[in-house]
Amino acid sequence: MEGAKRWEGRNAEFAGERDRRLLASFNRSLCQMIDAYDYFGKGRGLSEEDKIVRLLLFTPEEKQALSQDCTPNSKLRLQVEHVFQAMAVTLEVETEQLMQSMVEMNGEGFGRAIVSSGRLILSSVTLRAGLRFPFTSAAKLEKFVLNQMREALDWLDRHQEVAAAR
């Protein structure tokens, strides 16, 4: 029941067909990332939504415990890496251009996460002691990802020649 509660409200503000397609592709890619790191098969029988809620999203209690310590745990690091890898895969499918993601986070949670294509950085997010991350609801995750992907696609449309340069 708690998992369903954290999934409520998703897609409420995403009306466009392109947005729905991007989110569906992102969720599929994210589940593939989760499956790749699920060594013991905990999420084998779960739906995409349940897999994301149970294996990727933080509970409010986990987030509170993390904010008291300020050191990123392995689940937070994986969440950030999975989100940006899935964004890169989704953008690659959408644009048919090679995308790369890179996440660098130090022991205190500071760092940077980027998605790039060619010589063009499409998305760059500063990580500050876990702010923005960890996500506790799918709606917040999808809102963040959709905003980043919209910006990346707009940036790519404006600077196509830089992205094509190798």
C-alpha atoms as a PDB file:
ATOM      1  CA  MET A   1       0.000   0.000   0.000  1.00  0.00           C
ATOM      2  CA  GLU A   2       2.837   2.378   0.846  1.00  0.00           C
ATOM      3  CA  GLY A   3       4.435   1.772  -2.556  1.00  0.00           C
ATOM      4  CA  ALA A   4       1.215   2.658  -4.332  1.00  0.00           C
ATOM      5  CA  LYS A   5       0.979   5.837  -2.264  1.00  0.00           C
ATOM      6  CA  ARG A   6       4.420   6.961  -3.413  1.00  0.00           C
ATOM      7  CA  TRP A   7       3.402   6.303  -7.038  1.00  0.00           C
ATOM      8  CA  GLU A   8       0.203   8.407  -6.836  1.00  0.00           C
ATOM      9  CA  GLY A   9       0.011  11.616  -8.791  1.00  0.00           C
ATOM     10  CA  ARG A  10       2.447  10.591 -11.484  1.00  0.00           C
ATOM     11  CA  ASN A  11       1.884  11.883 -15.001  1.00  0.00           C
ATOM     12  CA  ALA A  12      -0.751  14.323 -13.731  1.00  0.00           C
ATOM     13  CA  GLU A  13       0.859  17.317 -15.433  1.00  0.00           C
ATOM     14  CA  PHE A  14       2.416  15.572 -18.421  1.00  0.00           C
ATOM     15  CA  ALA A  15      -0.190  15.852 -21.134  1.00  0.00           C
ATOM     16  CA  GLY A  16       1.864  15.805 -24.319  1.00  0.00           C
ATOM     17  CA  GLU A  17       2.344  12.662 -26.368  1.00  0.00           C
ATOM     18  CA  ARG A  18       6.100  13.298 -26.525  1.00  0.00           C
ATOM     19  CA  ASP A  19       6.266  13.605 -22.734  1.00  0.00           C
ATOM     20  CA  ARG A  20       4.373  10.346 -22.250  1.00  0.00           C
ATOM     21  CA  ARG A  21       6.662   8.603 -24.742  1.00  0.00           C
ATOM     22  CA  LEU A  22       9.777   9.978 -23.005  1.00  0.00           C
ATOM     23  CA  LEU A  23       8.543   8.907 -19.574  1.00  0.00           C
ATOM     24  CA  ALA A  24       7.573   5.422 -20.758  1.00  0.00           C
ATOM     25  CA  SER A  25      10.983   4.985 -22.375  1.00  0.00           C
ATOM     26  CA  PHE A  26      12.719   6.356 -19.270  1.00  0.00           C
ATOM     27  CA  ASN A  27      10.838   3.992 -16.938  1.00  0.00           C
ATOM     28  CA  ARG A  28      11.659   1.031 -19.191  1.00  0.00           C
ATOM     29  CA  SER A  29      15.357   2.022 -19.283  1.00  0.00           C
ATOM     30  CA  LEU A  30      15.409   2.603 -15.537  1.00  0.00           C
ATOM     31  CA  CYS A  31      13.970  -0.860 -14.908  1.00  0.00           C
ATOM     32  CA  GLN A  32      16.656  -2.343 -17.152  1.00  0.00           C
ATOM     33  CA  MET A  33      19.310  -0.556 -15.055  1.00  0.00           C
ATOM     34  CA  ILE A  34      17.718  -1.841 -11.853  1.00  0.00           C
ATOM     35  CA  ASP A  35      17.599  -5.392 -13.271  1.00  0.00           C
ATOM     36  CA  ALA A  36      21.268  -5.199 -14.241  1.00  0.00           C
ATOM     37  CA  TYR A  37      22.241  -4.472 -10.617  1.00  0.00           C
ATOM     38  CA  ASP A  38      19.682  -6.818  -9.029  1.00  0.00           C
ATOM     39  CA  TYR A  39      22.078  -9.709  -8.457  1.00  0.00           C
ATOM     40  CA  PHE A  40      19.717 -11.743  -6.293  1.00  0.00           C
ATOM     41  CA  GLY A  41      16.553 -11.222  -8.339  1.00  0.00           C
ATOM     42  CA  LYS A  42      14.561  -9.288  -5.717  1.00  0.00           C
ATOM     43  CA  GLY A  43      12.596  -7.488  -8.412  1.00  0.00           C
ATOM     44  CA  ARG A  44      12.103 -10.382 -10.810  1.00  0.00           C
ATOM     45  CA  GLY A  45       8.306 -10.675 -10.510  1.00  0.00           C
ATOM     46  CA  LEU A  46       7.547  -6.985  -9.993  1.00  0.00           C
ATOM     47  CA  SER A  47       5.899  -4.586 -12.420  1.00  0.00           C
ATOM     48  CA  GLU A  48       7.896  -1.566 -13.636  1.00  0.00           C
ATOM     49  CA  GLU A  49       6.191   0.709 -11.117  1.00  0.00           C
ATOM     50  CA  ASP A  50       6.722  -1.626  -8.167  1.00  0.00           C
ATOM     51  CA  LYS A  51      10.321  -2.244  -9.170  1.00  0.00           C
ATOM     52  CA  ILE A  52      11.076   1.487  -9.195  1.00  0.00           C
ATOM     53  CA  VAL A  53       9.245   2.116  -5.913  1.00  0.00           C
ATOM     54  CA  ARG A  54      10.684  -0.836  -3.992  1.00  0.00           C
ATOM     55  CA  LEU A  55      14.225  -1.014  -5.335  1.00  0.00           C
ATOM     56  CA  LEU A  56      15.107   2.567  -6.289  1.00  0.00           C
ATOM     57  CA  LEU A  57      13.035   5.142  -4.406  1.00  0.00           C
ATOM     58  CA  PHE A  58      13.790   6.009  -0.803  1.00  0.00           C
ATOM     59  CA  THR A  59      11.231   5.854   1.971  1.00  0.00           C
ATOM     60  CA  PRO A  60      10.795   9.085   3.966  1.00  0.00           C
ATOM     61  CA  GLU A  61      12.531   7.363   6.890  1.00  0.00           C
ATOM     62  CA  GLU A  62      15.538   6.435   4.728  1.00  0.00           C
ATOM     63  CA  LYS A  63      15.739  10.002   3.435  1.00  0.00           C
ATOM     64  CA  GLN A  64      15.581  11.411   6.971  1.00  0.00           C
ATOM     65  CA  ALA A  65      18.349   9.079   8.156  1.00  0.00           C
ATOM     66  CA  LEU A  66      20.461  10.064   5.162  1.00  0.00           C
ATOM     67  CA  SER A  67      20.015  13.800   5.762  1.00  0.00           C
ATOM     68  CA  GLN A  68      21.244  13.473   9.350  1.00  0.00           C
ATOM     69  CA  ASP A  69      24.498  11.836   8.300  1.00  0.00           C
ATOM     70  CA  CYS A  70      25.172  13.731   5.029  1.00  0.00           C
ATOM     71  CA  THR A  71      27.291  10.910   3.640  1.00  0.00           C
ATOM     72  CA  PRO A  72      25.849   9.239   0.559  1.00  0.00           C
ATOM     73  CA  ASN A  73      25.174   5.539   0.928  1.00  0.00           C
ATOM     74  CA  SER A  74      25.357   2.991  -1.863  1.00  0.00           C
ATOM     75  CA  LYS A  75      21.606   3.210  -2.559  1.00  0.00           C
ATOM     76  CA  LEU A  76      21.848   6.983  -3.128  1.00  0.00           C
ATOM     77  CA  ARG A  77      24.851   6.584  -5.414  1.00  0.00           C
ATOM     78  CA  LEU A  78      23.029   3.908  -7.415  1.00  0.00           C
ATOM     79  CA  GLN A  79      19.884   6.042  -7.624  1.00  0.00           C
ATOM     80  CA  VAL A  80      21.810   8.980  -9.090  1.00  0.00           C
ATOM     81  CA  GLU A  81      23.761   6.758 -11.501  1.00  0.00           C
ATOM     82  CA  HIS A  82      20.659   4.849 -12.631  1.00  0.00           C
ATOM     83  CA  VAL A  83      18.653   8.027 -13.228  1.00  0.00           C
ATOM     84  CA  PHE A  84      21.323   9.599 -15.425  1.00  0.00           C
ATOM     85  CA  GLN A  85      22.126   6.363 -17.269  1.00  0.00           C
ATOM     86  CA  ALA A  86      18.428   5.841 -18.000  1.00  0.00           C
ATOM     87  CA  MET A  87      18.145   9.468 -19.166  1.00  0.00           C
ATOM     88  CA  ALA A  88      21.063   8.922 -21.550  1.00  0.00           C
ATOM     89  CA  VAL A  89      19.514   5.723 -22.923  1.00  0.00           C
ATOM     90  CA  THR A  90      16.140   7.443 -23.381  1.00  0.00           C
ATOM     91  CA  LEU A  91      17.713  10.405 -25.183  1.00  0.00           C
ATOM     92  CA  GLU A  92      19.710   8.013 -27.359  1.00  0.00           C
ATOM     93  CA  VAL A  93      16.533   6.179 -28.384  1.00  0.00           C
ATOM     94  CA  GLU A  94      14.697   9.453 -29.005  1.00  0.00           C
ATOM     95  CA  THR A  95      17.443  11.135 -31.068  1.00  0.00           C
ATOM     96  CA  GLU A  96      19.281   8.128 -32.540  1.00  0.00           C
ATOM     97  CA  GLN A  97      22.570   9.728 -31.469  1.00  0.00           C
ATOM     98  CA  LEU A  98      25.160   8.298 -29.119  1.00  0.00           C
ATOM     99  CA  MET A  99      24.783   9.595 -25.537  1.00  0.00           C
ATOM    100  CA  GLN A 100      27.008   9.233 -22.492  1.00  0.00           C
ATOM    101  CA  SER A 101      26.325   9.814 -18.814  1.00  0.00           C
ATOM    102  CA  MET A 102      28.847  10.494 -16.080  1.00  0.00           C
ATOM    103  CA  VAL A 103      28.289  10.848 -12.348  1.00  0.00           C
ATOM    104  CA  GLU A 104      31.032  11.954  -9.986  1.00  0.00           C
ATOM    105  CA  MET A 105      30.192  12.191  -6.280  1.00  0.00           C
ATOM    106  CA  ASN A 106      32.645  12.557  -3.407  1.00  0.00           C
ATOM    107  CA  GLY A 107      32.294  11.105   0.086  1.00  0.00           C
ATOM    108  CA  GLU A 108      30.227  14.059   1.298  1.00  0.00           C
ATOM    109  CA  GLY A 109      27.696  13.916  -1.537  1.00  0.00           C
ATOM    110  CA  PHE A 110      29.048  16.800  -3.606  1.00  0.00           C
ATOM    111  CA  GLY A 111      29.676  16.352  -7.299  1.00  0.00           C
ATOM    112  CA  ARG A 112      28.262  16.605 -10.785  1.00  0.00           C
ATOM    113  CA  ALA A 113      26.152  14.476 -13.094  1.00  0.00           C
ATOM    114  CA  ILE A 114      26.121  15.066 -16.839  1.00  0.00           C
ATOM    115  CA  VAL A 115      24.632  13.638 -20.012  1.00  0.00           C
ATOM    116  CA  SER A 116      26.490  14.463 -23.212  1.00  0.00           C
ATOM    117  CA  SER A 117      26.483  13.756 -26.920  1.00  0.00           C
ATOM    118  CA  GLY A 118      29.619  14.335 -28.943  1.00  0.00           C
ATOM    119  CA  ARG A 119      31.137  17.545 -27.596  1.00  0.00           C
ATOM    120  CA  LEU A 120      27.839  18.894 -26.308  1.00  0.00           C
ATOM    121  CA  ILE A 121      26.782  18.642 -22.669  1.00  0.00           C
ATOM    122  CA  LEU A 122      23.016  18.229 -22.732  1.00  0.00           C
ATOM    123  CA  SER A 123      22.302  18.017 -19.017  1.00  0.00           C
ATOM    124  CA  SER A 124      24.490  19.100 -16.133  1.00  0.00           C
ATOM    125  CA  VAL A 125      23.336  18.835 -12.529  1.00  0.00           C
ATOM    126  CA  THR A 126      25.360  19.872  -9.509  1.00  0.00           C
ATOM    127  CA  LEU A 127      25.053  17.438  -6.620  1.00  0.00           C
ATOM    128  CA  ARG A 128      25.132  19.132  -3.233  1.00  0.00           C
ATOM    129  CA  ALA A 129      25.084  16.801  -0.243  1.00  0.00           C
ATOM    130  CA  GLY A 130      22.160  14.847  -1.624  1.00  0.00           C
ATOM    131  CA  LEU A 131      19.908  17.834  -2.368  1.00  0.00           C
ATOM    132  CA  ARG A 132      17.380  16.934  -5.100  1.00  0.00           C
ATOM    133  CA  PHE A 133      18.341  13.357  -4.386  1.00  0.00           C
ATOM    134  CA  PRO A 134      17.178  10.987  -3.044  1.00  0.00           C
ATOM    135  CA  PHE A 135      13.748  10.831  -4.611  1.00  0.00           C
ATOM    136  CA  THR A 136      10.959   9.482  -2.426  1.00  0.00           C
ATOM    137  CA  SER A 137       8.138   9.538  -4.990  1.00  0.00           C
ATOM    138  CA  ALA A 138       7.858   8.597  -8.635  1.00  0.00           C
ATOM    139  CA  ALA A 139       6.062  11.861  -9.418  1.00  0.00           C
ATOM    140  CA  LYS A 140       9.041  13.945  -8.244  1.00  0.00           C
ATOM    141  CA  LEU A 141      11.468  11.674 -10.072  1.00  0.00           C
ATOM    142  CA  GLU A 142       9.504  11.897 -13.323  1.00  0.00           C
ATOM    143  CA  LYS A 143       9.112  15.682 -13.028  1.00  0.00           C
ATOM    144  CA  PHE A 144      12.871  16.099 -12.559  1.00  0.00           C
ATOM    145  CA  VAL A 145      13.733  13.717 -15.396  1.00  0.00           C
ATOM    146  CA  LEU A 146      11.197  15.166 -17.812  1.00  0.00           C
ATOM    147  CA  ASN A 147      12.466  18.708 -17.213  1.00  0.00           C
ATOM    148  CA  GLN A 148      16.059  17.564 -17.761  1.00  0.00           C
ATOM    149  CA  MET A 149      15.188  15.659 -20.949  1.00  0.00           C
ATOM    150  CA  ARG A 150      13.116  18.525 -22.381  1.00  0.00           C
ATOM    151  CA  GLU A 151      16.022  20.891 -21.800  1.00  0.00           C
ATOM    152  CA  ALA A 152      18.481  18.389 -23.294  1.00  0.00           C
ATOM    153  CA  LEU A 153      16.386  17.898 -26.432  1.00  0.00           C
ATOM    154  CA  ASP A 154      15.959  21.660 -26.891  1.00  0.00           C
ATOM    155  CA  TRP A 155      19.700  22.153 -26.430  1.00  0.00           C
ATOM    156  CA  LEU A 156      20.426  19.385 -28.936  1.00  0.00           C
ATOM    157  CA  ASP A 157      18.062  20.939 -31.505  1.00  0.00           C
ATOM    158  CA  ARG A 158      19.832  24.299 -31.188  1.00  0.00           C
ATOM    159  CA  HIS A 159      23.387  22.910 -31.325  1.00  0.00           C
ATOM    160  CA  GLN A 160      23.159  19.881 -33.600  1.00  0.00           C
ATOM    161  CA  GLU A 161      26.541  20.539 -35.250  1.00  0.00           C
ATOM    162  CA  VAL A 162      28.392  20.464 -31.908  1.00  0.00           C
ATOM    163  CA  ALA A 163      26.768  17.172 -30.926  1.00  0.00           C
ATOM    164  CA  ALA A 164      27.709  15.673 -34.298  1.00  0.00           C
ATOM    165  CA  ALA A 165      31.383  16.686 -33.888  1.00  0.00           C
ATOM    166  CA  ARG A 166      33.576  13.857 -32.647  1.00  0.00           C
END
